[in-house]
Structures are given as C-alpha cells and as structure tokens.
Amino acid sequence: LTAELLRLLCAEPQVKEQVKLYEGIPVLLSLLHSDHLKLLWSVVWILVQVCEDPETSVEIRTWGGIKQLLHILRG
C-alpha cells in the first residue's frame, strides 16, 4: 500500500527529490526481489518516474538497477 501511495505521489517533482534525498533508490531497488506483483508494479513505476532526472538515472544504473530489471523480465 505504501509503494502504491508513493507511486501516486511521485507525479510531484518535490516528492521525486525527497526520494533521492532520503536515499530511496537503494530501497526501491531492493524491493525488486519481491514476488508480490502489485508491489513490483508500483516499485517499477516509481523508478520510471524518478528516472526522468538524468542524475537519478545514473544512480539507478550505478546500483545495478538495469541488471535487476532485466532479471525480472527474464524470469
């Protein structure tokens, strides 16, 4: 439920900044290992929204986010 709320709130630029400020990217990437499909959907959508910022996109790549997303797609 929390991830779904964050997904909705990430439409606001201030929320995206707070996700970065409070180191939310590693937390979101760690949730990609979940088997809960609704949680995965919300987390991936949050990552899509925060990826609009080039700096955050680099951070996601640095944390191995691309590899994790490809693993989900393969599985």
Protein backbone atom coordinates (compact mmCIF):
# COMPACT_ATOMS: atom_id res chain seq x y z
CA LEU A 1 0.00 0.00 0.00
CA THR A 2 2.87 2.35 0.82
CA ALA A 3 4.56 1.74 -2.53
CA GLU A 4 1.30 2.42 -4.32
CA LEU A 5 0.90 5.72 -2.47
CA LEU A 6 4.49 6.69 -3.26
CA ARG A 7 3.85 5.84 -6.91
CA LEU A 8 0.96 8.29 -6.97
CA LEU A 9 2.89 10.97 -5.10
CA CYS A 10 5.90 10.71 -7.42
CA ALA A 11 3.97 12.69 -10.00
CA GLU A 12 5.08 15.73 -7.97
CA PRO A 13 8.67 16.94 -8.55
CA GLN A 14 9.16 17.63 -4.83
CA VAL A 15 8.41 14.01 -3.96
CA LYS A 16 10.92 12.75 -6.54
CA GLU A 17 13.54 14.99 -4.92
CA GLN A 18 12.70 13.62 -1.48
CA VAL A 19 13.04 10.05 -2.74
CA LYS A 20 16.59 10.94 -3.80
CA LEU A 21 17.32 12.96 -0.64
CA TYR A 22 16.27 10.14 1.70
CA GLU A 23 18.18 7.52 -0.33
CA GLY A 24 15.06 5.85 -1.62
CA ILE A 25 16.69 4.46 -4.77
CA PRO A 26 18.56 1.63 -3.00
CA VAL A 27 15.42 0.79 -1.03
CA LEU A 28 13.31 0.67 -4.18
CA LEU A 29 15.87 -1.46 -5.99
CA SER A 30 15.99 -3.90 -3.06
CA LEU A 31 12.22 -4.35 -3.39
CA LEU A 32 12.64 -5.65 -6.95
CA HIS A 33 13.38 -9.06 -5.43
CA SER A 34 9.80 -9.37 -4.17
CA ASP A 35 7.38 -11.97 -5.51
CA HIS A 36 4.42 -9.66 -4.84
CA LEU A 37 3.32 -8.49 -8.29
CA LYS A 38 1.42 -5.40 -7.16
CA LEU A 39 4.43 -4.25 -5.14
CA LEU A 40 6.74 -4.88 -8.11
CA TRP A 41 4.44 -2.90 -10.40
CA SER A 42 4.40 0.08 -8.05
CA VAL A 43 8.17 0.00 -7.46
CA VAL A 44 8.96 -0.22 -11.17
CA TRP A 45 6.58 2.65 -11.90
CA ILE A 46 8.23 4.77 -9.17
CA LEU A 47 11.62 4.04 -10.74
CA VAL A 48 10.26 5.06 -14.14
CA GLN A 49 9.12 8.37 -12.72
CA VAL A 50 12.35 9.17 -10.91
CA CYS A 51 14.42 8.14 -13.95
CA GLU A 52 13.25 11.31 -15.69
CA ASP A 53 16.07 13.02 -13.81
CA PRO A 54 19.40 12.21 -15.52
CA GLU A 55 21.26 12.22 -12.19
CA THR A 56 18.84 9.68 -10.70
CA SER A 57 19.06 7.57 -13.84
CA VAL A 58 22.82 7.32 -13.35
CA GLU A 59 22.31 6.40 -9.70
CA ILE A 60 19.93 3.59 -10.66
CA ARG A 61 22.47 2.23 -13.14
CA THR A 62 25.22 2.52 -10.53
CA TRP A 63 23.18 0.49 -8.02
CA GLY A 64 22.65 -2.27 -10.61
CA GLY A 65 19.05 -1.40 -11.40
CA ILE A 66 19.28 -2.29 -15.09
CA LYS A 67 20.57 -5.78 -14.28
CA GLN A 68 17.78 -6.29 -11.73
CA LEU A 69 15.08 -5.16 -14.16
CA LEU A 70 16.41 -7.44 -16.88
CA HIS A 71 16.42 -10.33 -14.41
CA ILE A 72 12.74 -9.70 -13.68
CA LEU A 73 11.93 -9.67 -17.38
CA ARG A 74 13.78 -12.93 -17.95
CA GLY A 75 12.08 -14.63 -15.00
